[in-house]
Amino acid sequence: MSQTLTLTVSTPAGAVLDVTRYSATYRLTGRAAGGQVFLFDLSPAYSLQFETLIRVAAAGGEGSVMVKPWQAALTSARDGLTVTAPQSGSIPPQVSWSLGQGAIRALQVWIDGDGHPVEG
């Protein structure tokens, strides 16, 4: 059974990031204007790194996770978290979406808690 957290991103405006947990795998899906912009999975090999990065980001720290199979990256800086992902057949070929501290904290609570769907 999967659980999904929908987060409103700070940029681009009007976009959301769905984080879905399937057992030990996370799927990140970026949606804007009613359509899917990107999607990539964090297999169990990347899930622990992702969870650690979210804790670091929630504390205002810096770090990154490179998801080589998907040519995607998650980067934490003091002001938030950036998700960089490919969008096949589109210009630009990659997109960068930013999460503010409120969304990062909601994601950390969801990961550390019971995983029930919440809005962030």
C-alpha atoms as a PDB file:
ATOM      1  CA  MET A   1       0.000   0.000   0.000  1.00  0.00           C
ATOM      2  CA  SER A   2       1.306   3.443  -0.874  1.00  0.00           C
ATOM      3  CA  GLN A   3       1.098   6.733   1.009  1.00  0.00           C
ATOM      4  CA  THR A   4       1.368  10.147  -0.655  1.00  0.00           C
ATOM      5  CA  LEU A   5       2.294  13.584   0.655  1.00  0.00           C
ATOM      6  CA  THR A   6       1.515  16.555  -1.605  1.00  0.00           C
ATOM      7  CA  LEU A   7       3.751  19.588  -1.101  1.00  0.00           C
ATOM      8  CA  THR A   8       3.329  23.047  -2.605  1.00  0.00           C
ATOM      9  CA  VAL A   9       6.655  24.177  -4.038  1.00  0.00           C
ATOM     10  CA  SER A  10       7.895  27.765  -3.753  1.00  0.00           C
ATOM     11  CA  THR A  11       9.077  27.787  -7.383  1.00  0.00           C
ATOM     12  CA  PRO A  12       7.699  27.368  -9.937  1.00  0.00           C
ATOM     13  CA  ALA A  13       4.469  29.051  -8.885  1.00  0.00           C
ATOM     14  CA  GLY A  14       1.381  26.880  -8.894  1.00  0.00           C
ATOM     15  CA  ALA A  15       3.308  23.590  -8.921  1.00  0.00           C
ATOM     16  CA  VAL A  16       3.179  20.695  -6.481  1.00  0.00           C
ATOM     17  CA  LEU A  17       5.504  17.847  -5.603  1.00  0.00           C
ATOM     18  CA  ASP A  18       3.951  14.492  -4.725  1.00  0.00           C
ATOM     19  CA  VAL A  19       6.120  12.244  -2.575  1.00  0.00           C
ATOM     20  CA  THR A  20       4.775   8.684  -2.554  1.00  0.00           C
ATOM     21  CA  ARG A  21       6.139   5.898  -0.371  1.00  0.00           C
ATOM     22  CA  TYR A  22       5.906   2.298  -1.569  1.00  0.00           C
ATOM     23  CA  SER A  23       7.477   0.180   1.167  1.00  0.00           C
ATOM     24  CA  ALA A  24      11.189   1.186   1.004  1.00  0.00           C
ATOM     25  CA  THR A  25      10.904   3.206  -2.241  1.00  0.00           C
ATOM     26  CA  TYR A  26       9.923   6.853  -2.721  1.00  0.00           C
ATOM     27  CA  ARG A  27       8.506   8.280  -5.956  1.00  0.00           C
ATOM     28  CA  LEU A  28       8.788  12.019  -6.583  1.00  0.00           C
ATOM     29  CA  THR A  29       6.324  13.441  -9.099  1.00  0.00           C
ATOM     30  CA  GLY A  30       6.278  17.080 -10.132  1.00  0.00           C
ATOM     31  CA  ARG A  31       2.939  18.395 -11.377  1.00  0.00           C
ATOM     32  CA  ALA A  32       1.981  21.781 -12.804  1.00  0.00           C
ATOM     33  CA  ALA A  33      -0.956  23.113 -14.813  1.00  0.00           C
ATOM     34  CA  GLY A  34      -2.789  19.820 -14.394  1.00  0.00           C
ATOM     35  CA  GLY A  35      -0.038  17.709 -15.929  1.00  0.00           C
ATOM     36  CA  GLN A  36       2.993  15.706 -14.890  1.00  0.00           C
ATOM     37  CA  VAL A  37       6.313  17.473 -15.477  1.00  0.00           C
ATOM     38  CA  PHE A  38       8.679  14.841 -14.075  1.00  0.00           C
ATOM     39  CA  LEU A  39       8.741  11.583 -12.171  1.00  0.00           C
ATOM     40  CA  PHE A  40      11.560   9.546 -10.658  1.00  0.00           C
ATOM     41  CA  ASP A  41      11.912   6.796  -8.080  1.00  0.00           C
ATOM     42  CA  LEU A  42      14.275   6.628  -5.136  1.00  0.00           C
ATOM     43  CA  SER A  43      14.952   2.921  -4.781  1.00  0.00           C
ATOM     44  CA  PRO A  44      15.865   1.479  -1.381  1.00  0.00           C
ATOM     45  CA  ALA A  45      19.506   2.275  -2.198  1.00  0.00           C
ATOM     46  CA  TYR A  46      18.591   6.004  -2.333  1.00  0.00           C
ATOM     47  CA  SER A  47      15.765   6.095   0.224  1.00  0.00           C
ATOM     48  CA  LEU A  48      18.010   6.269   3.287  1.00  0.00           C
ATOM     49  CA  GLN A  49      20.079   9.047   1.697  1.00  0.00           C
ATOM     50  CA  PHE A  50      16.852  10.926   0.877  1.00  0.00           C
ATOM     51  CA  GLU A  51      15.537  10.599   4.440  1.00  0.00           C
ATOM     52  CA  THR A  52      18.875  11.793   5.850  1.00  0.00           C
ATOM     53  CA  LEU A  53      18.940  14.754   3.451  1.00  0.00           C
ATOM     54  CA  ILE A  54      15.416  15.791   4.483  1.00  0.00           C
ATOM     55  CA  ARG A  55      16.468  15.791   8.159  1.00  0.00           C
ATOM     56  CA  VAL A  56      19.547  17.872   7.289  1.00  0.00           C
ATOM     57  CA  ALA A  57      17.428  20.288   5.199  1.00  0.00           C
ATOM     58  CA  ALA A  58      14.825  20.646   7.975  1.00  0.00           C
ATOM     59  CA  ALA A  59      17.652  21.679  10.316  1.00  0.00           C
ATOM     60  CA  GLY A  60      18.842  24.276   7.770  1.00  0.00           C
ATOM     61  CA  GLY A  61      21.905  22.278   6.764  1.00  0.00           C
ATOM     62  CA  GLU A  62      23.494  21.610   3.410  1.00  0.00           C
ATOM     63  CA  GLY A  63      23.790  18.345   1.495  1.00  0.00           C
ATOM     64  CA  SER A  64      22.842  16.586  -1.700  1.00  0.00           C
ATOM     65  CA  VAL A  65      21.770  13.280  -3.179  1.00  0.00           C
ATOM     66  CA  MET A  66      22.521  12.451  -6.797  1.00  0.00           C
ATOM     67  CA  VAL A  67      20.090   9.940  -8.304  1.00  0.00           C
ATOM     68  CA  LYS A  68      22.227   8.778 -11.216  1.00  0.00           C
ATOM     69  CA  PRO A  69      19.812   6.309 -12.847  1.00  0.00           C
ATOM     70  CA  TRP A  70      17.322   9.167 -13.329  1.00  0.00           C
ATOM     71  CA  GLN A  71      19.859  11.990 -13.819  1.00  0.00           C
ATOM     72  CA  ALA A  72      18.141  13.786 -10.956  1.00  0.00           C
ATOM     73  CA  ALA A  73      19.409  15.518  -7.840  1.00  0.00           C
ATOM     74  CA  LEU A  74      18.160  16.805  -4.514  1.00  0.00           C
ATOM     75  CA  THR A  75      20.168  19.635  -2.980  1.00  0.00           C
ATOM     76  CA  SER A  76      19.741  21.262   0.406  1.00  0.00           C
ATOM     77  CA  ALA A  77      20.915  24.775   1.231  1.00  0.00           C
ATOM     78  CA  ARG A  78      20.075  27.029   4.164  1.00  0.00           C
ATOM     79  CA  ASP A  79      17.055  28.494   2.400  1.00  0.00           C
ATOM     80  CA  GLY A  80      15.422  25.254   1.238  1.00  0.00           C
ATOM     81  CA  LEU A  81      15.578  22.154  -0.904  1.00  0.00           C
ATOM     82  CA  THR A  82      15.899  22.021  -4.695  1.00  0.00           C
ATOM     83  CA  VAL A  83      14.778  19.071  -6.803  1.00  0.00           C
ATOM     84  CA  THR A  84      16.426  18.954 -10.229  1.00  0.00           C
ATOM     85  CA  ALA A  85      14.920  16.450 -12.631  1.00  0.00           C
ATOM     86  CA  PRO A  86      14.909  15.679 -16.345  1.00  0.00           C
ATOM     87  CA  GLN A  87      11.867  16.265 -18.500  1.00  0.00           C
ATOM     88  CA  SER A  88      12.185  14.224 -21.623  1.00  0.00           C
ATOM     89  CA  GLY A  89      11.333  15.856 -24.925  1.00  0.00           C
ATOM     90  CA  SER A  90      10.914  19.301 -23.360  1.00  0.00           C
ATOM     91  CA  ILE A  91      12.795  22.547 -23.357  1.00  0.00           C
ATOM     92  CA  PRO A  92      14.546  23.041 -21.007  1.00  0.00           C
ATOM     93  CA  PRO A  93      15.643  19.416 -20.665  1.00  0.00           C
ATOM     94  CA  GLN A  94      15.854  19.772 -16.864  1.00  0.00           C
ATOM     95  CA  VAL A  95      13.721  21.569 -14.320  1.00  0.00           C
ATOM     96  CA  SER A  96      14.566  22.795 -10.836  1.00  0.00           C
ATOM     97  CA  TRP A  97      11.829  23.032  -8.240  1.00  0.00           C
ATOM     98  CA  SER A  98      12.317  24.554  -4.785  1.00  0.00           C
ATOM     99  CA  LEU A  99      10.749  23.673  -1.453  1.00  0.00           C
ATOM    100  CA  GLY A 100      10.702  26.160   1.412  1.00  0.00           C
ATOM    101  CA  GLN A 101      11.308  25.318   5.050  1.00  0.00           C
ATOM    102  CA  GLY A 102       7.606  24.769   5.817  1.00  0.00           C
ATOM    103  CA  ALA A 103       7.303  22.095   3.122  1.00  0.00           C
ATOM    104  CA  ILE A 104      10.587  20.501   4.193  1.00  0.00           C
ATOM    105  CA  ARG A 105       9.423  20.287   7.815  1.00  0.00           C
ATOM    106  CA  ALA A 106       6.099  18.765   6.705  1.00  0.00           C
ATOM    107  CA  LEU A 107       8.039  16.187   4.692  1.00  0.00           C
ATOM    108  CA  GLN A 108      10.284  15.359   7.644  1.00  0.00           C
ATOM    109  CA  VAL A 109       7.304  14.892   9.965  1.00  0.00           C
ATOM    110  CA  TRP A 110       5.639  12.654   7.363  1.00  0.00           C
ATOM    111  CA  ILE A 111       8.795  10.539   6.892  1.00  0.00           C
ATOM    112  CA  ASP A 112       9.467  10.254  10.632  1.00  0.00           C
ATOM    113  CA  GLY A 113       5.816   9.820  11.587  1.00  0.00           C
ATOM    114  CA  ASP A 114       3.156   7.398  10.593  1.00  0.00           C
ATOM    115  CA  GLY A 115       3.148   8.290   6.890  1.00  0.00           C
ATOM    116  CA  HIS A 116      -0.520   9.292   6.730  1.00  0.00           C
ATOM    117  CA  PRO A 117      -1.313  11.701   3.888  1.00  0.00           C
ATOM    118  CA  VAL A 118      -1.134  15.370   4.827  1.00  0.00           C
ATOM    119  CA  GLU A 119      -0.900  18.629   2.938  1.00  0.00           C
ATOM    120  CA  GLY A 120       2.335  20.588   3.239  1.00  0.00           C
END
